[in-house]
Amino acid sequence: MGQRLQVARLVDEAVPYQEISRRTGASTATVTRVAHWLHYGEGGYKEVLKRGRK
């Protein structure tokens, strides 16, 4: 799974941003950006996460 998708999954699970950064190696800026897209974007991350749960 791509780094940003891992970040999105962890954000969706309400893992703290610092912990997400530590687990994935993504910067906290990237975590924040992905979280913003997850919550306020066009729904692409939510769709991918939903499909991944099936």
N, C-alpha and C. Protein backbone atom coordinates (compact mmCIF):
# COMPACT_ATOMS: atom_id res chain seq x y z
N MET A 1 0.85 -1.17 0.00
CA MET A 1 0.00 0.00 0.00
C MET A 1 0.90 1.24 0.00
N GLY A 2 0.50 2.25 -0.75
CA GLY A 2 1.27 3.48 -0.82
C GLY A 2 1.29 4.20 0.51
N GLN A 3 2.32 4.99 0.70
CA GLN A 3 2.49 5.69 1.96
C GLN A 3 1.28 6.57 2.29
N ARG A 4 0.79 7.31 1.31
CA ARG A 4 -0.34 8.20 1.59
C ARG A 4 -1.61 7.43 1.91
N LEU A 5 -1.78 6.26 1.32
CA LEU A 5 -2.95 5.45 1.68
C LEU A 5 -2.81 4.89 3.09
N GLN A 6 -1.59 4.54 3.48
CA GLN A 6 -1.37 4.11 4.86
C GLN A 6 -1.69 5.25 5.82
N VAL A 7 -1.24 6.44 5.47
CA VAL A 7 -1.53 7.61 6.29
C VAL A 7 -3.03 7.83 6.38
N ALA A 8 -3.73 7.76 5.25
CA ALA A 8 -5.18 7.97 5.25
C ALA A 8 -5.88 6.94 6.12
N ARG A 9 -5.45 5.69 6.05
CA ARG A 9 -6.06 4.64 6.87
C ARG A 9 -5.88 4.94 8.35
N LEU A 10 -4.68 5.36 8.74
CA LEU A 10 -4.40 5.65 10.14
C LEU A 10 -5.14 6.91 10.61
N VAL A 11 -5.23 7.92 9.75
CA VAL A 11 -6.01 9.11 10.09
C VAL A 11 -7.46 8.72 10.31
N ASP A 12 -7.98 7.88 9.44
CA ASP A 12 -9.36 7.42 9.55
C ASP A 12 -9.59 6.65 10.86
N GLU A 13 -8.54 6.00 11.36
CA GLU A 13 -8.62 5.26 12.63
C GLU A 13 -8.34 6.16 13.83
N ALA A 14 -8.16 7.46 13.61
CA ALA A 14 -7.94 8.46 14.66
C ALA A 14 -6.62 8.26 15.41
N VAL A 15 -5.61 7.75 14.72
CA VAL A 15 -4.28 7.64 15.31
C VAL A 15 -3.67 9.04 15.33
N PRO A 16 -3.00 9.44 16.42
CA PRO A 16 -2.40 10.78 16.47
C PRO A 16 -1.38 11.00 15.34
N TYR A 17 -1.32 12.23 14.85
CA TYR A 17 -0.48 12.55 13.70
C TYR A 17 0.99 12.21 13.93
N GLN A 18 1.51 12.48 15.12
CA GLN A 18 2.91 12.17 15.41
C GLN A 18 3.16 10.66 15.29
N GLU A 19 2.22 9.88 15.78
CA GLU A 19 2.34 8.42 15.71
C GLU A 19 2.27 7.95 14.26
N ILE A 20 1.40 8.55 13.47
CA ILE A 20 1.31 8.21 12.05
C ILE A 20 2.63 8.51 11.36
N SER A 21 3.20 9.66 11.65
CA SER A 21 4.48 10.05 11.08
C SER A 21 5.57 9.04 11.45
N ARG A 22 5.59 8.64 12.71
CA ARG A 22 6.59 7.68 13.17
C ARG A 22 6.42 6.32 12.48
N ARG A 23 5.18 5.85 12.38
CA ARG A 23 4.92 4.53 11.80
C ARG A 23 5.19 4.47 10.29
N THR A 24 4.86 5.55 9.59
CA THR A 24 4.92 5.51 8.13
C THR A 24 6.16 6.17 7.55
N GLY A 25 6.81 7.02 8.32
CA GLY A 25 7.94 7.77 7.79
C GLY A 25 7.53 9.02 7.03
N ALA A 26 6.23 9.28 6.95
CA ALA A 26 5.73 10.49 6.29
C ALA A 26 5.93 11.68 7.22
N SER A 27 6.17 12.83 6.66
CA SER A 27 6.32 14.03 7.48
C SER A 27 4.96 14.39 8.08
N THR A 28 5.00 15.16 9.16
CA THR A 28 3.73 15.59 9.75
C THR A 28 2.98 16.51 8.79
N ALA A 29 3.69 17.22 7.94
CA ALA A 29 3.02 18.05 6.93
C ALA A 29 2.22 17.17 5.96
N THR A 30 2.80 16.05 5.55
CA THR A 30 2.10 15.12 4.67
C THR A 30 0.89 14.53 5.37
N VAL A 31 1.05 14.17 6.63
CA VAL A 31 -0.07 13.61 7.40
C VAL A 31 -1.21 14.63 7.46
N THR A 32 -0.86 15.88 7.74
CA THR A 32 -1.86 16.94 7.82
C THR A 32 -2.56 17.13 6.48
N ARG A 33 -1.79 17.13 5.41
CA ARG A 33 -2.34 17.31 4.06
C ARG A 33 -3.30 16.17 3.71
N VAL A 34 -2.89 14.94 3.97
CA VAL A 34 -3.75 13.79 3.67
C VAL A 34 -5.02 13.84 4.52
N ALA A 35 -4.88 14.23 5.79
CA ALA A 35 -6.05 14.34 6.66
C ALA A 35 -7.03 15.37 6.11
N HIS A 36 -6.51 16.48 5.63
CA HIS A 36 -7.37 17.51 5.05
C HIS A 36 -8.11 16.96 3.83
N TRP A 37 -7.38 16.28 2.95
CA TRP A 37 -8.00 15.71 1.76
C TRP A 37 -9.03 14.65 2.14
N LEU A 38 -8.73 13.87 3.17
CA LEU A 38 -9.65 12.82 3.60
C LEU A 38 -10.96 13.42 4.09
N HIS A 39 -10.87 14.50 4.85
CA HIS A 39 -12.06 15.09 5.46
C HIS A 39 -12.78 16.09 4.56
N TYR A 40 -12.04 16.80 3.70
CA TYR A 40 -12.64 17.90 2.93
C TYR A 40 -12.47 17.77 1.42
N GLY A 41 -11.88 16.68 0.96
CA GLY A 41 -11.63 16.52 -0.47
C GLY A 41 -12.84 16.01 -1.23
N GLU A 42 -12.58 15.49 -2.39
CA GLU A 42 -13.63 15.01 -3.28
C GLU A 42 -14.13 13.60 -2.95
N GLY A 43 -13.52 12.95 -1.97
CA GLY A 43 -13.98 11.63 -1.55
C GLY A 43 -13.16 10.47 -2.08
N GLY A 44 -12.07 10.77 -2.78
CA GLY A 44 -11.25 9.70 -3.35
C GLY A 44 -10.62 8.80 -2.31
N TYR A 45 -10.04 9.41 -1.28
CA TYR A 45 -9.42 8.61 -0.22
C TYR A 45 -10.47 7.76 0.49
N LYS A 46 -11.63 8.34 0.78
CA LYS A 46 -12.69 7.59 1.46
C LYS A 46 -13.14 6.40 0.62
N GLU A 47 -13.24 6.61 -0.69
CA GLU A 47 -13.64 5.52 -1.59
C GLU A 47 -12.61 4.39 -1.60
N VAL A 48 -11.35 4.76 -1.67
CA VAL A 48 -10.28 3.75 -1.69
C VAL A 48 -10.27 2.99 -0.36
N LEU A 49 -10.41 3.71 0.74
CA LEU A 49 -10.44 3.05 2.05
C LEU A 49 -11.64 2.12 2.17
N LYS A 50 -12.78 2.55 1.65
CA LYS A 50 -13.99 1.73 1.69
C LYS A 50 -13.79 0.45 0.88
N ARG A 51 -13.20 0.58 -0.30
CA ARG A 51 -12.95 -0.59 -1.14
C ARG A 51 -11.95 -1.54 -0.49
N GLY A 52 -10.99 -0.98 0.23
CA GLY A 52 -9.98 -1.79 0.90
C GLY A 52 -10.54 -2.62 2.05
N ARG A 53 -11.66 -2.18 2.61
CA ARG A 53 -12.28 -2.90 3.72
C ARG A 53 -13.05 -4.11 3.27
N LYS A 54 -13.41 -4.16 1.99
CA LYS A 54 -14.23 -5.27 1.47
C LYS A 54 -13.43 -6.54 1.39
